[in-house]
Amino acid sequence: MRMQLKSLLVIGALCAAVPAMAQPAGFPTRPITLVVPAPAGGMIDSFVLLLAEQFRRELGQPLVMDHRGGAGGIVGAKYVAGAAPDGYTLLMGNIGPLAILPGMEPNIGYDAAKDFAPVSMVATFSNVLVVHPSVPAQSVGQVIAQAKANPGKMTYASPGVGQSQHLSGELFKMVTGTNLLHVPYKGAAGAMNDLLGGHVNMMFSNVPLAVKHIQSGTLRPLAVTGSTRSRAMPNVPTMEEAGVKGYNVTSWIGVVAPAGTPQPIIARLNAVVARAMQSEAGKAQLERVDADWNAGTPAEFGNFILAEQRKWREVIKKADIKPQ
């Protein structure tokens, strides 16, 4: 009888644990860490601060920003991939460590398709093709013509091999059949400074970095890389509108958790992020950096990431891009 009673108590305890594990009851009971896979001071920080206010207000716990830069975002992504899947360690992922670098780095240390549970998109950004005023081309079509007339001589800068600005140029070369010379720098500031100095011909720049130089006339914009025009530059066409059919590049950031994080926790975090981005502060932040956000489920965000991985893996393979 004593053994039977003990067995029943154990079974009862296990059964009671099932709904507790299935529900985010009491979550969170301590601060949540959001890892930013980049040095402090970047544009991503402002989005983390926006989310932190919503987390504090809605979940009653702080959202702690933890910068873990290195290797283009690989260091931070690898750290989160190995964290406990309990919702308390998240990654502010982006196109680099989640979509581009997995197709470039053979020993990245994580499986970007399997080691993360998508939570929510946070923002998408277009790049803009800008040229130095010394470049005679006044349109994308003229850039293509000039590049074909001078193969390998027209140069474009980027913040480094494997960055979205670099891959924007590689995809442009493939779609247009041009031969441009890539000049990588260690960061966007150095690339922009040399473009402004006329040491390189052009750059596929993040819009916020280029806007002030476009407005001052020190750079000429030719087209944005996304599917819609920029709010900051409504007169600048998209690549599609400029005649480059099939070209569409957006940079993006979004929250992911370690694989295995309970779905109720994922769903709750998704809802909190959505309310942050739909708030007046969220709309103002998107407006400030010329970004967009579309509501979506974790599954939709996951499908988007997988599509991005396939897209950039193909570009990297065709362009024979090697890690540096």
Protein backbone atom coordinates (compact mmCIF):
# COMPACT_ATOMS: atom_id res chain seq x y z
CA MET A 1 0.00 0.00 0.00
CA ARG A 2 2.80 2.37 0.94
CA MET A 3 4.56 1.69 -2.40
CA GLN A 4 1.31 2.17 -4.33
CA LEU A 5 0.61 5.45 -2.53
CA LYS A 6 4.13 6.66 -3.29
CA SER A 7 3.71 5.79 -6.98
CA LEU A 8 0.40 7.62 -7.15
CA LEU A 9 1.96 10.71 -5.58
CA VAL A 10 4.80 10.69 -8.14
CA ILE A 11 2.35 10.28 -11.05
CA GLY A 12 0.18 13.05 -9.66
CA ALA A 13 3.16 15.35 -9.35
CA LEU A 14 4.19 14.67 -12.97
CA CYS A 15 0.68 15.30 -14.25
CA ALA A 16 0.50 18.56 -12.32
CA ALA A 17 3.79 19.63 -13.88
CA VAL A 18 2.55 19.25 -17.46
CA PRO A 19 0.21 22.27 -17.54
CA ALA A 20 2.73 24.30 -15.57
CA MET A 21 5.34 23.66 -18.25
CA ALA A 22 2.87 24.34 -21.04
CA GLN A 23 1.79 27.71 -19.72
CA PRO A 24 3.91 30.87 -19.18
CA ALA A 25 2.31 31.28 -15.75
CA GLY A 26 4.44 33.63 -13.69
CA PHE A 27 6.70 34.46 -16.63
CA PRO A 28 8.78 36.47 -16.24
CA THR A 29 9.85 36.39 -12.60
CA ARG A 30 13.25 37.98 -13.20
CA PRO A 31 14.95 40.29 -15.72
CA ILE A 32 15.16 39.23 -19.36
CA THR A 33 18.45 39.68 -21.23
CA LEU A 34 18.38 40.80 -24.86
CA VAL A 35 21.76 40.21 -26.48
CA VAL A 36 22.82 42.71 -29.14
CA PRO A 37 25.50 41.06 -31.33
CA ALA A 38 27.28 44.36 -31.98
CA PRO A 39 29.23 47.02 -30.06
CA ALA A 40 27.31 49.58 -28.03
CA GLY A 41 26.17 52.79 -29.65
CA GLY A 42 24.61 51.47 -32.85
CA MET A 43 21.13 52.11 -34.20
CA ILE A 44 19.88 48.78 -32.81
CA ASP A 45 20.28 50.12 -29.26
CA SER A 46 17.44 52.59 -29.74
CA PHE A 47 15.08 49.75 -30.64
CA VAL A 48 16.15 47.75 -27.59
CA LEU A 49 15.42 50.75 -25.36
CA LEU A 50 11.98 51.01 -26.96
CA LEU A 51 11.28 47.35 -26.23
CA ALA A 52 12.68 47.68 -22.71
CA GLU A 53 10.07 50.26 -21.81
CA GLN A 54 7.26 48.04 -23.10
CA PHE A 55 8.65 44.99 -21.26
CA ARG A 56 8.88 46.93 -18.01
CA ARG A 57 5.38 48.31 -18.35
CA GLU A 58 3.68 45.10 -19.51
CA LEU A 59 5.71 42.30 -17.95
CA GLY A 60 6.88 44.05 -14.82
CA GLN A 61 10.51 43.05 -15.35
CA PRO A 62 13.53 44.89 -16.80
CA LEU A 63 14.88 44.07 -20.26
CA VAL A 64 18.66 44.14 -19.94
CA MET A 65 20.70 45.04 -23.04
CA ASP A 66 23.84 42.89 -23.32
CA HIS A 67 26.30 43.84 -26.08
CA ARG A 68 28.27 40.86 -27.36
CA GLY A 69 29.90 42.05 -30.55
CA GLY A 70 32.45 40.19 -32.61
CA ALA A 71 32.81 38.33 -35.90
CA GLY A 72 29.99 40.26 -37.54
CA GLY A 73 27.46 39.13 -34.94
CA ILE A 74 28.51 35.49 -34.68
CA VAL A 75 29.75 35.83 -31.08
CA GLY A 76 26.42 37.08 -29.75
CA ALA A 77 24.35 34.66 -31.82
CA LYS A 78 26.41 31.67 -30.68
CA TYR A 79 26.00 32.73 -27.05
CA VAL A 80 22.20 32.84 -27.32
CA ALA A 81 22.04 29.60 -29.31
CA GLY A 82 23.63 27.86 -26.31
CA ALA A 83 21.52 29.58 -23.64
CA ALA A 84 18.73 27.93 -21.66
CA PRO A 85 15.45 27.87 -23.65
CA ASP A 86 13.42 29.53 -20.93
CA GLY A 87 12.66 32.95 -22.41
CA TYR A 88 15.17 34.80 -20.24
CA THR A 89 17.93 35.09 -22.87
CA LEU A 90 16.99 36.52 -26.26
CA LEU A 91 18.88 37.76 -29.32
CA MET A 92 18.25 40.90 -31.31
CA GLY A 93 19.18 39.07 -34.48
CA ASN A 94 19.77 40.61 -37.85
CA ILE A 95 20.45 39.74 -41.47
CA GLY A 96 24.17 39.16 -40.81
CA PRO A 97 24.43 36.36 -38.23
CA LEU A 98 21.03 34.85 -39.05
CA ALA A 99 20.98 34.90 -42.88
CA ILE A 100 24.23 35.94 -44.57
CA LEU A 101 27.10 34.63 -42.43
CA PRO A 102 25.68 31.08 -42.09
CA GLY A 103 26.20 30.75 -45.85
CA MET A 104 29.76 32.10 -45.65
CA GLU A 105 31.33 30.71 -42.50
CA PRO A 106 31.79 26.91 -42.49
CA ASN A 107 32.53 26.77 -38.73
CA ILE A 108 30.07 29.33 -37.42
CA GLY A 109 29.33 27.37 -34.25
CA TYR A 110 25.53 27.24 -34.53
CA ASP A 111 22.81 26.22 -36.97
CA ALA A 112 20.92 29.40 -37.81
CA ALA A 113 17.98 27.37 -39.17
CA LYS A 114 17.60 25.06 -36.16
CA ASP A 115 19.11 26.66 -33.06
CA PHE A 116 16.72 29.60 -32.74
CA ALA A 117 13.01 30.06 -32.14
CA PRO A 118 11.73 33.15 -34.02
CA VAL A 119 9.80 35.64 -31.87
CA SER A 120 9.11 38.75 -33.92
CA MET A 121 10.39 41.01 -36.65
CA VAL A 122 11.29 44.43 -35.24
CA ALA A 123 12.26 46.56 -38.24
CA THR A 124 13.26 46.40 -41.89
CA PHE A 125 15.51 48.91 -43.64
CA SER A 126 16.35 49.63 -47.25
CA ASN A 127 19.81 50.48 -48.49
CA VAL A 128 20.30 53.23 -51.03
CA LEU A 129 22.71 53.31 -53.95
CA VAL A 130 24.61 56.59 -53.73
CA VAL A 131 27.40 57.84 -55.97
CA HIS A 132 30.03 60.54 -55.53
CA PRO A 133 29.23 63.70 -57.54
CA SER A 134 32.30 63.07 -59.71
CA VAL A 135 30.57 60.01 -61.17
CA PRO A 136 28.81 61.20 -64.36
CA ALA A 137 25.95 58.68 -64.10
CA GLN A 138 22.63 60.32 -63.26
CA SER A 139 20.61 57.09 -63.11
CA VAL A 140 20.98 53.41 -62.37
CA GLY A 141 20.81 52.68 -66.09
CA GLN A 142 23.74 55.01 -66.68
CA VAL A 143 25.73 53.36 -63.88
CA ILE A 144 25.16 49.99 -65.54
CA ALA A 145 26.26 51.36 -68.91
CA GLN A 146 29.35 52.97 -67.40
CA ALA A 147 30.25 49.78 -65.52
CA LYS A 148 29.89 47.64 -68.65
CA ALA A 149 32.05 50.06 -70.62
CA ASN A 150 34.73 49.91 -67.90
CA PRO A 151 34.60 46.39 -66.41
CA GLY A 152 36.27 46.06 -63.02
CA LYS A 153 37.07 49.77 -62.76
CA MET A 154 34.00 51.17 -61.01
CA THR A 155 34.33 50.73 -57.25
CA TYR A 156 31.81 50.35 -54.46
CA ALA A 157 32.53 50.57 -50.74
CA SER A 158 31.05 48.51 -47.93
CA PRO A 159 31.50 48.19 -44.15
CA GLY A 160 33.04 44.75 -44.66
CA VAL A 161 32.80 41.39 -46.37
CA GLY A 162 29.47 39.72 -45.69
CA GLN A 163 27.63 42.86 -44.59
CA SER A 164 24.27 43.62 -46.20
CA GLN A 165 25.81 46.56 -48.08
CA HIS A 166 28.38 44.21 -49.61
CA LEU A 167 25.77 41.64 -50.60
CA SER A 168 23.58 44.41 -52.03
CA GLY A 169 26.42 45.12 -54.45
CA GLU A 170 27.02 41.46 -55.27
CA LEU A 171 23.36 40.89 -56.08
CA PHE A 172 23.37 44.05 -58.21
CA LYS A 173 26.33 42.70 -60.19
CA MET A 174 24.56 39.39 -60.78
CA VAL A 175 21.23 40.86 -61.82
CA THR A 176 22.78 43.52 -64.11
CA GLY A 177 25.70 41.52 -65.48
CA THR A 178 28.23 44.14 -64.42
CA ASN A 179 31.73 43.80 -63.01
CA LEU A 180 32.22 46.19 -60.08
CA LEU A 181 35.21 46.23 -57.74
CA HIS A 182 34.28 45.74 -54.09
CA VAL A 183 36.32 47.79 -51.58
CA PRO A 184 35.63 46.56 -48.01
CA TYR A 185 36.27 48.70 -44.93
CA LYS A 186 36.19 48.03 -41.21
CA GLY A 187 32.88 49.70 -40.54
CA ALA A 188 30.40 51.99 -42.27
CA ALA A 189 32.07 55.22 -41.13
CA GLY A 190 35.31 54.49 -42.95
CA ALA A 191 33.47 53.44 -46.10
CA MET A 192 31.34 56.58 -46.07
CA ASN A 193 34.34 58.86 -45.46
CA ASP A 194 36.19 57.48 -48.47
CA LEU A 195 33.08 57.77 -50.62
CA LEU A 196 32.68 61.41 -49.58
CA GLY A 197 36.35 61.95 -50.40
CA GLY A 198 35.89 60.52 -53.88
CA HIS A 199 38.25 57.59 -53.29
CA VAL A 200 35.51 55.14 -54.32
CA ASN A 201 32.69 55.67 -56.81
CA MET A 202 29.61 54.45 -54.97
CA MET A 203 28.11 52.61 -52.04
CA PHE A 204 24.98 50.71 -51.11
CA SER A 205 24.51 52.55 -47.83
CA ASN A 206 21.99 52.19 -45.02
CA VAL A 207 19.52 55.03 -45.56
CA PRO A 208 19.98 56.81 -42.19
CA LEU A 209 23.75 57.05 -42.74
CA ALA A 210 23.37 58.54 -46.22
CA VAL A 211 20.41 60.90 -45.80
CA LYS A 212 22.27 63.93 -44.44
CA HIS A 213 24.87 63.70 -47.22
CA ILE A 214 22.14 63.39 -49.84
CA GLN A 215 20.33 66.40 -48.43
CA SER A 216 23.55 68.45 -48.44
CA GLY A 217 24.29 67.46 -52.04
CA THR A 218 27.58 65.71 -51.27
CA LEU A 219 26.17 62.40 -52.52
CA ARG A 220 23.75 61.61 -55.34
CA PRO A 221 21.06 58.97 -54.68
CA LEU A 222 20.06 56.75 -57.59
CA ALA A 223 17.77 54.06 -56.13
CA VAL A 224 16.70 52.37 -52.92
CA THR A 225 17.11 48.61 -52.67
CA GLY A 226 13.77 47.69 -51.07
CA SER A 227 10.36 47.13 -52.61
CA THR A 228 8.99 50.56 -51.58
CA ARG A 229 10.34 54.08 -51.74
CA SER A 230 11.96 55.70 -48.73
CA ARG A 231 9.89 58.14 -46.67
CA ALA A 232 13.02 60.27 -46.30
CA MET A 233 13.62 60.33 -50.08
CA PRO A 234 10.23 59.93 -51.79
CA ASN A 235 11.59 61.08 -55.15
CA VAL A 236 14.23 58.34 -55.31
CA PRO A 237 12.98 55.25 -57.20
CA THR A 238 13.29 51.65 -56.11
CA MET A 239 15.68 49.42 -58.06
CA GLU A 240 12.68 47.80 -59.72
CA GLU A 241 11.36 51.19 -60.79
CA ALA A 242 14.83 52.08 -62.05
CA GLY A 243 14.75 49.08 -64.38
CA VAL A 244 16.61 46.46 -62.34
CA LYS A 245 13.97 43.74 -62.35
CA GLY A 246 14.04 41.09 -59.64
CA TYR A 247 16.23 43.15 -57.32
CA ASN A 248 15.06 43.54 -53.73
CA VAL A 249 17.28 43.86 -50.65
CA THR A 250 16.25 44.84 -47.14
CA SER A 251 18.28 44.75 -43.97
CA TRP A 252 16.33 43.71 -40.88
CA ILE A 253 16.44 43.12 -37.15
CA GLY A 254 14.24 40.84 -35.09
CA VAL A 255 14.01 39.00 -31.79
CA VAL A 256 14.77 35.28 -31.58
CA ALA A 257 15.08 32.91 -28.63
CA PRO A 258 17.00 29.65 -28.17
CA ALA A 259 15.32 26.69 -29.86
CA GLY A 260 13.06 24.80 -27.50
CA THR A 261 11.67 27.88 -25.75
CA PRO A 262 8.03 27.06 -24.86
CA GLN A 263 5.56 28.34 -27.44
CA PRO A 264 3.35 30.14 -24.89
CA ILE A 265 6.38 32.22 -23.88
CA ILE A 266 7.22 32.88 -27.55
CA ALA A 267 3.63 33.98 -28.18
CA ARG A 268 3.64 36.30 -25.18
CA LEU A 269 6.93 37.91 -26.19
CA ASN A 270 5.64 38.33 -29.75
CA ALA A 271 2.59 40.20 -28.45
CA VAL A 272 4.74 42.51 -26.30
CA VAL A 273 7.02 43.36 -29.23
CA ALA A 274 3.98 44.03 -31.42
CA ARG A 275 2.49 46.46 -28.91
CA ALA A 276 5.85 48.24 -28.61
CA MET A 277 6.12 48.72 -32.37
CA GLN A 278 2.48 49.81 -32.68
CA SER A 279 2.83 52.40 -29.93
CA GLU A 280 3.32 56.08 -30.67
CA ALA A 281 6.93 55.75 -29.52
CA GLY A 282 7.41 52.77 -31.82
CA LYS A 283 5.98 54.59 -34.83
CA ALA A 284 8.18 57.60 -34.07
CA GLN A 285 11.27 55.42 -33.85
CA LEU A 286 10.53 53.78 -37.20
CA GLU A 287 9.96 57.20 -38.74
CA ARG A 288 13.20 58.50 -37.25
CA VAL A 289 15.37 55.86 -38.93
CA ASP A 290 13.24 55.41 -42.07
CA ALA A 291 12.36 51.83 -41.17
CA ASP A 292 9.23 49.69 -41.48
CA TRP A 293 7.52 47.03 -39.39
CA ASN A 294 4.81 44.59 -40.36
CA ALA A 295 2.84 42.60 -37.81
CA GLY A 296 3.46 38.89 -38.05
CA THR A 297 3.42 35.64 -36.14
CA PRO A 298 6.58 33.87 -34.96
CA ALA A 299 6.03 31.28 -37.71
CA GLU A 300 5.86 34.00 -40.39
CA PHE A 301 9.07 35.53 -39.10
CA GLY A 302 10.68 32.08 -39.15
CA ASN A 303 9.64 31.53 -42.77
CA PHE A 304 11.08 34.94 -43.65
CA ILE A 305 14.43 34.06 -42.07
CA LEU A 306 14.59 30.74 -43.92
CA ALA A 307 13.85 32.49 -47.22
CA GLU A 308 16.62 35.01 -46.51
CA GLN A 309 19.06 32.20 -45.73
CA ARG A 310 18.30 30.48 -49.05
CA LYS A 311 18.57 33.74 -50.99
CA TRP A 312 21.93 34.81 -49.61
CA ARG A 313 23.43 31.33 -49.65
CA GLU A 314 22.84 31.28 -53.41
CA VAL A 315 24.37 34.74 -53.89
CA ILE A 316 27.41 33.84 -51.77
CA LYS A 317 27.94 30.62 -53.71
CA LYS A 318 27.63 32.26 -57.13
CA ALA A 319 29.89 35.16 -56.14
CA ASP A 320 32.35 32.76 -54.45
CA ILE A 321 32.54 34.99 -51.38
CA LYS A 322 34.98 33.74 -48.75
CA PRO A 323 35.21 34.76 -45.08
CA GLN A 324 38.04 37.10 -44.17
